[in-house]
Each structure stands twice: as C-alpha cells, then as structure tokens.
Amino acid sequence: MIGKILGNRYEITEKIAQGGMSVVYKALDLNLNRYDAVKVLKQEFSSNKDILDKFKQEANAVAFLSHPNIVNIYNVGSEDQIHYIVMEYVKGKTLKEVIKA
C-alpha cells in the first residue's frame, strides 16, 4: 500500500497500526497538503458484506461525534475492493504505549 494514492487524493506514506480487521496508514492529503490517518479494511474482509457494513457503520457513528478526545472523520471511500476511512492524524503515543507506561 505504501505509495498508493486512494481517491486521487490520499498518498499512503507509512503503516502506523494494525488491528484484527484493518490497517491504519499515515497518508498525505494531496489537496490540503496535510497528513491524515487512513484506516483500510483488510483485503480478506473486503467481500464480506456483514463486516463491510460494520466498517461503514463505524465511520458513520464516529462522524457525528465531536469531542476533543475523538479524532475527526474526514472522508470515507472505496475503490478496487479497497475500503477506507480517512480521519484526523494525531501524532503521539498509541493507547497501548500509554497504558504500558
């Protein structure tokens, strides 16, 4: 995925996290010249309708929340069986690192 451009806008620059169903990348928004986080559903789940619906529901649920401790959702997209959520990139420690400390 590194180097791929999603939505003719988000250039994937590095992998920053991985979970059970998705991978989060740092991406340069070519239109706004800022870094965002892009959460990409893993390929093995891209054709599973139930998981795909949950992924989209997650984006919709978070998009309506506004709180200093919740990242903003900027965009949601799909192309070539790649489903992604674009959100605010926050530089710092992961929750796992904070808990461990």
C-alpha atoms as a PDB file:
ATOM      1  CA  MET A   1       0.000   0.000   0.000  1.00  0.00           C
ATOM      2  CA  ILE A   2       2.909   2.385   0.574  1.00  0.00           C
ATOM      3  CA  GLY A   3       2.987   4.826  -2.339  1.00  0.00           C
ATOM      4  CA  LYS A   4      -0.600   4.069  -3.417  1.00  0.00           C
ATOM      5  CA  ILE A   5      -2.937   7.003  -3.936  1.00  0.00           C
ATOM      6  CA  LEU A   6      -6.524   6.474  -2.811  1.00  0.00           C
ATOM      7  CA  GLY A   7      -9.361   8.557  -4.184  1.00  0.00           C
ATOM      8  CA  ASN A   8      -6.908  10.542  -6.327  1.00  0.00           C
ATOM      9  CA  ARG A   9      -6.119  12.358  -3.111  1.00  0.00           C
ATOM     10  CA  TYR A  10      -4.509  10.370  -0.266  1.00  0.00           C
ATOM     11  CA  GLU A  11      -0.939   9.189  -0.820  1.00  0.00           C
ATOM     12  CA  ILE A  12      -0.103   6.373   1.597  1.00  0.00           C
ATOM     13  CA  THR A  13       3.284   7.099   3.190  1.00  0.00           C
ATOM     14  CA  GLU A  14       3.670   4.637   6.080  1.00  0.00           C
ATOM     15  CA  LYS A  15       1.929   1.968   8.140  1.00  0.00           C
ATOM     16  CA  ILE A  16       1.222   3.167  11.674  1.00  0.00           C
ATOM     17  CA  ALA A  17      -1.031   0.495  13.222  1.00  0.00           C
ATOM     18  CA  GLN A  18      -2.788  -2.798  12.618  1.00  0.00           C
ATOM     19  CA  GLY A  19      -5.781  -4.472  14.175  1.00  0.00           C
ATOM     20  CA  GLY A  20      -7.808  -7.592  13.571  1.00  0.00           C
ATOM     21  CA  MET A  21      -9.862  -6.213  10.706  1.00  0.00           C
ATOM     22  CA  SER A  22      -7.972  -3.194   9.421  1.00  0.00           C
ATOM     23  CA  VAL A  23      -4.633  -1.470   8.939  1.00  0.00           C
ATOM     24  CA  VAL A  24      -4.051   2.227   9.632  1.00  0.00           C
ATOM     25  CA  TYR A  25      -1.705   4.222   7.454  1.00  0.00           C
ATOM     26  CA  LYS A  26      -0.360   7.763   7.518  1.00  0.00           C
ATOM     27  CA  ALA A  27      -1.252   9.479   4.256  1.00  0.00           C
ATOM     28  CA  LEU A  28      -0.596  12.840   2.674  1.00  0.00           C
ATOM     29  CA  ASP A  29      -3.766  14.633   1.590  1.00  0.00           C
ATOM     30  CA  LEU A  30      -2.581  15.984  -1.752  1.00  0.00           C
ATOM     31  CA  ASN A  31      -5.372  18.585  -1.894  1.00  0.00           C
ATOM     32  CA  LEU A  32      -4.801  20.103   1.549  1.00  0.00           C
ATOM     33  CA  ASN A  33      -1.102  19.268   1.974  1.00  0.00           C
ATOM     34  CA  ARG A  34      -1.610  17.729   5.417  1.00  0.00           C
ATOM     35  CA  TYR A  35      -1.192  14.288   6.909  1.00  0.00           C
ATOM     36  CA  ASP A  36      -4.266  12.212   7.714  1.00  0.00           C
ATOM     37  CA  ALA A  37      -4.745   8.695   9.049  1.00  0.00           C
ATOM     38  CA  VAL A  38      -6.358   6.235   6.651  1.00  0.00           C
ATOM     39  CA  LYS A  39      -7.946   3.109   8.082  1.00  0.00           C
ATOM     40  CA  VAL A  40      -8.125   0.383   5.425  1.00  0.00           C
ATOM     41  CA  LEU A  41     -10.243  -2.741   5.778  1.00  0.00           C
ATOM     42  CA  LYS A  42      -8.055  -5.822   5.300  1.00  0.00           C
ATOM     43  CA  GLN A  43      -8.420  -7.402   1.858  1.00  0.00           C
ATOM     44  CA  GLU A  44      -9.689 -10.732   3.232  1.00  0.00           C
ATOM     45  CA  PHE A  45     -12.758  -8.921   4.604  1.00  0.00           C
ATOM     46  CA  SER A  46     -13.493  -6.707   1.592  1.00  0.00           C
ATOM     47  CA  SER A  47     -16.104  -9.070   0.138  1.00  0.00           C
ATOM     48  CA  ASN A  48     -17.760  -9.980   3.464  1.00  0.00           C
ATOM     49  CA  LYS A  49     -21.000  -7.980   3.454  1.00  0.00           C
ATOM     50  CA  ASP A  50     -21.512  -8.141   7.245  1.00  0.00           C
ATOM     51  CA  ILE A  51     -18.010  -6.898   8.039  1.00  0.00           C
ATOM     52  CA  LEU A  52     -18.194  -4.263   5.312  1.00  0.00           C
ATOM     53  CA  ASP A  53     -21.482  -2.983   6.774  1.00  0.00           C
ATOM     54  CA  LYS A  54     -19.909  -2.788  10.259  1.00  0.00           C
ATOM     55  CA  PHE A  55     -16.923  -0.892   8.845  1.00  0.00           C
ATOM     56  CA  LYS A  56     -19.235   1.661   7.223  1.00  0.00           C
ATOM     57  CA  GLN A  57     -21.370   1.901  10.392  1.00  0.00           C
ATOM     58  CA  GLU A  58     -18.223   2.681  12.393  1.00  0.00           C
ATOM     59  CA  ALA A  59     -17.416   5.593  10.098  1.00  0.00           C
ATOM     60  CA  ASN A  60     -20.982   6.912  10.237  1.00  0.00           C
ATOM     61  CA  ALA A  61     -21.185   6.632  14.026  1.00  0.00           C
ATOM     62  CA  VAL A  62     -17.894   8.435  14.682  1.00  0.00           C
ATOM     63  CA  ALA A  63     -18.566  11.105  12.038  1.00  0.00           C
ATOM     64  CA  PHE A  64     -21.384  12.555  14.132  1.00  0.00           C
ATOM     65  CA  LEU A  65     -19.344  12.760  17.336  1.00  0.00           C
ATOM     66  CA  SER A  66     -17.499  15.891  18.334  1.00  0.00           C
ATOM     67  CA  HIS A  67     -15.157  15.759  21.308  1.00  0.00           C
ATOM     68  CA  PRO A  68     -11.516  16.772  21.916  1.00  0.00           C
ATOM     69  CA  ASN A  69     -10.619  13.128  22.673  1.00  0.00           C
ATOM     70  CA  ILE A  70     -12.149  11.680  19.495  1.00  0.00           C
ATOM     71  CA  VAL A  71     -10.490  12.047  16.095  1.00  0.00           C
ATOM     72  CA  ASN A  72     -12.493  13.661  13.313  1.00  0.00           C
ATOM     73  CA  ILE A  73     -13.637  11.664  10.306  1.00  0.00           C
ATOM     74  CA  TYR A  74     -12.857  13.484   7.057  1.00  0.00           C
ATOM     75  CA  ASN A  75     -13.861  11.054   4.344  1.00  0.00           C
ATOM     76  CA  VAL A  76     -14.969   7.504   3.523  1.00  0.00           C
ATOM     77  CA  GLY A  77     -14.211   5.783   0.248  1.00  0.00           C
ATOM     78  CA  SER A  78     -13.921   2.599  -1.771  1.00  0.00           C
ATOM     79  CA  GLU A  79     -12.005   1.724  -4.897  1.00  0.00           C
ATOM     80  CA  ASP A  80     -10.753  -1.539  -6.406  1.00  0.00           C
ATOM     81  CA  GLN A  81     -12.078  -3.535  -3.407  1.00  0.00           C
ATOM     82  CA  ILE A  82     -10.176  -1.224  -1.022  1.00  0.00           C
ATOM     83  CA  HIS A  83     -12.484   0.261   1.601  1.00  0.00           C
ATOM     84  CA  TYR A  84     -11.137   3.082   3.750  1.00  0.00           C
ATOM     85  CA  ILE A  85     -11.936   5.757   6.317  1.00  0.00           C
ATOM     86  CA  VAL A  86      -9.895   8.973   6.346  1.00  0.00           C
ATOM     87  CA  MET A  87      -9.521  10.554   9.759  1.00  0.00           C
ATOM     88  CA  GLU A  88      -7.544  13.119  11.664  1.00  0.00           C
ATOM     89  CA  TYR A  89      -3.910  12.133  12.174  1.00  0.00           C
ATOM     90  CA  VAL A  90      -2.736  12.708  15.738  1.00  0.00           C
ATOM     91  CA  LYS A  91       0.997  12.426  16.314  1.00  0.00           C
ATOM     92  CA  GLY A  92       1.958  10.864  19.619  1.00  0.00           C
ATOM     93  CA  LYS A  93       1.904   7.642  21.551  1.00  0.00           C
ATOM     94  CA  THR A  94      -0.568   4.878  20.929  1.00  0.00           C
ATOM     95  CA  LEU A  95      -3.091   3.963  23.601  1.00  0.00           C
ATOM     96  CA  LYS A  96      -1.164   0.712  24.098  1.00  0.00           C
ATOM     97  CA  GLU A  97       2.060   2.677  24.764  1.00  0.00           C
ATOM     98  CA  VAL A  98       0.296   4.996  27.230  1.00  0.00           C
ATOM     99  CA  ILE A  99      -1.215   2.082  29.169  1.00  0.00           C
ATOM    100  CA  LYS A 100       2.116   0.246  29.237  1.00  0.00           C
ATOM    101  CA  ALA A 101       3.879   3.323  30.655  1.00  0.00           C
END
